[in-house]
């Protein structure tokens, strides 16, 4: 018997492995996940609190709307 706060799928390796990629964007770094509809934003990694209010960096937003490759401010 296993008692843990970690989900059993994570411990036993039963979860699906998604292809994730971290890309530099204007607001910091964006972690993306590949979906059938194309890459989507999974999370934003930034030190600027204003970046989290931008809907282009919201989880589930398509990657095509994220300004990529323009460097950090």
C-alpha atoms as a PDB file:
ATOM      1  CA  UNK A   1       0.000   0.000   0.000  1.00  0.00           C
ATOM      2  CA  UNK A   2       1.256   3.457  -0.918  1.00  0.00           C
ATOM      3  CA  UNK A   3       0.259   6.603   0.953  1.00  0.00           C
ATOM      4  CA  UNK A   4       1.400   9.801  -0.749  1.00  0.00           C
ATOM      5  CA  UNK A   5       0.174  13.248  -1.741  1.00  0.00           C
ATOM      6  CA  UNK A   6       1.596  12.651  -5.224  1.00  0.00           C
ATOM      7  CA  UNK A   7      -0.910  11.159  -7.684  1.00  0.00           C
ATOM      8  CA  UNK A   8      -0.345   7.439  -8.376  1.00  0.00           C
ATOM      9  CA  UNK A   9      -0.026   8.167 -12.114  1.00  0.00           C
ATOM     10  CA  UNK A  10       3.046  10.315 -11.469  1.00  0.00           C
ATOM     11  CA  UNK A  11       4.722   7.732  -9.231  1.00  0.00           C
ATOM     12  CA  UNK A  12       3.960   4.689 -11.354  1.00  0.00           C
ATOM     13  CA  UNK A  13       4.594   6.377 -14.691  1.00  0.00           C
ATOM     14  CA  UNK A  14       1.084   5.792 -16.014  1.00  0.00           C
ATOM     15  CA  UNK A  15       0.512   9.295 -17.319  1.00  0.00           C
ATOM     16  CA  UNK A  16       0.819  10.231 -20.974  1.00  0.00           C
ATOM     17  CA  UNK A  17       3.985  12.064 -21.792  1.00  0.00           C
ATOM     18  CA  UNK A  18       3.228  15.262 -23.685  1.00  0.00           C
ATOM     19  CA  UNK A  19       5.787  16.964 -25.858  1.00  0.00           C
ATOM     20  CA  UNK A  20       6.648  20.224 -24.108  1.00  0.00           C
ATOM     21  CA  UNK A  21       8.936  22.973 -25.291  1.00  0.00           C
ATOM     22  CA  UNK A  22      10.116  26.202 -23.661  1.00  0.00           C
ATOM     23  CA  UNK A  23      10.374  29.159 -26.037  1.00  0.00           C
ATOM     24  CA  UNK A  24      11.745  32.648 -25.387  1.00  0.00           C
ATOM     25  CA  UNK A  25       9.077  35.295 -25.885  1.00  0.00           C
ATOM     26  CA  UNK A  26       8.791  39.039 -25.402  1.00  0.00           C
ATOM     27  CA  UNK A  27       7.450  38.658 -21.842  1.00  0.00           C
ATOM     28  CA  UNK A  28       9.884  35.953 -20.716  1.00  0.00           C
ATOM     29  CA  UNK A  29       9.607  32.249 -21.471  1.00  0.00           C
ATOM     30  CA  UNK A  30       6.538  30.320 -22.626  1.00  0.00           C
ATOM     31  CA  UNK A  31       6.131  26.582 -22.065  1.00  0.00           C
ATOM     32  CA  UNK A  32       4.107  25.029 -24.875  1.00  0.00           C
ATOM     33  CA  UNK A  33       2.431  21.672 -25.302  1.00  0.00           C
ATOM     34  CA  UNK A  34       1.685  20.035 -28.654  1.00  0.00           C
ATOM     35  CA  UNK A  35      -2.032  19.412 -29.301  1.00  0.00           C
ATOM     36  CA  UNK A  36      -3.903  18.168 -32.390  1.00  0.00           C
ATOM     37  CA  UNK A  37      -4.808  21.811 -33.148  1.00  0.00           C
ATOM     38  CA  UNK A  38      -1.166  22.916 -32.941  1.00  0.00           C
ATOM     39  CA  UNK A  39       1.061  24.184 -30.129  1.00  0.00           C
ATOM     40  CA  UNK A  40      -0.674  25.883 -27.207  1.00  0.00           C
ATOM     41  CA  UNK A  41       0.577  27.841 -24.217  1.00  0.00           C
ATOM     42  CA  UNK A  42       0.924  25.696 -21.112  1.00  0.00           C
ATOM     43  CA  UNK A  43       2.456  28.287 -18.787  1.00  0.00           C
ATOM     44  CA  UNK A  44       4.329  31.553 -18.679  1.00  0.00           C
ATOM     45  CA  UNK A  45       7.631  32.016 -16.871  1.00  0.00           C
ATOM     46  CA  UNK A  46       8.204  35.732 -16.271  1.00  0.00           C
ATOM     47  CA  UNK A  47       9.301  38.147 -13.564  1.00  0.00           C
ATOM     48  CA  UNK A  48       6.971  40.898 -14.809  1.00  0.00           C
ATOM     49  CA  UNK A  49       3.521  40.649 -13.156  1.00  0.00           C
ATOM     50  CA  UNK A  50       1.933  42.583 -16.055  1.00  0.00           C
ATOM     51  CA  UNK A  51       2.797  39.735 -18.440  1.00  0.00           C
ATOM     52  CA  UNK A  52       0.391  37.407 -16.636  1.00  0.00           C
ATOM     53  CA  UNK A  53      -2.506  39.757 -17.489  1.00  0.00           C
ATOM     54  CA  UNK A  54      -1.836  39.538 -21.239  1.00  0.00           C
ATOM     55  CA  UNK A  55      -4.363  37.101 -22.799  1.00  0.00           C
ATOM     56  CA  UNK A  56      -1.789  36.027 -25.429  1.00  0.00           C
ATOM     57  CA  UNK A  57       0.138  34.223 -22.667  1.00  0.00           C
ATOM     58  CA  UNK A  58      -2.907  32.606 -21.024  1.00  0.00           C
ATOM     59  CA  UNK A  59      -2.889  28.795 -20.703  1.00  0.00           C
ATOM     60  CA  UNK A  60      -4.659  27.309 -23.717  1.00  0.00           C
ATOM     61  CA  UNK A  61      -3.895  30.235 -26.025  1.00  0.00           C
ATOM     62  CA  UNK A  62      -2.593  29.223 -29.467  1.00  0.00           C
ATOM     63  CA  UNK A  63       1.133  29.764 -29.930  1.00  0.00           C
ATOM     64  CA  UNK A  64       0.536  31.739 -33.146  1.00  0.00           C
ATOM     65  CA  UNK A  65      -0.614  34.738 -31.053  1.00  0.00           C
ATOM     66  CA  UNK A  66       2.523  34.810 -28.867  1.00  0.00           C
ATOM     67  CA  UNK A  67       5.289  37.211 -29.944  1.00  0.00           C
ATOM     68  CA  UNK A  68       8.277  34.852 -30.328  1.00  0.00           C
ATOM     69  CA  UNK A  69      11.927  35.653 -30.857  1.00  0.00           C
ATOM     70  CA  UNK A  70      11.788  39.337 -30.035  1.00  0.00           C
ATOM     71  CA  UNK A  71      13.773  38.932 -26.830  1.00  0.00           C
ATOM     72  CA  UNK A  72      12.987  40.083 -23.345  1.00  0.00           C
ATOM     73  CA  UNK A  73      12.163  43.686 -22.462  1.00  0.00           C
END
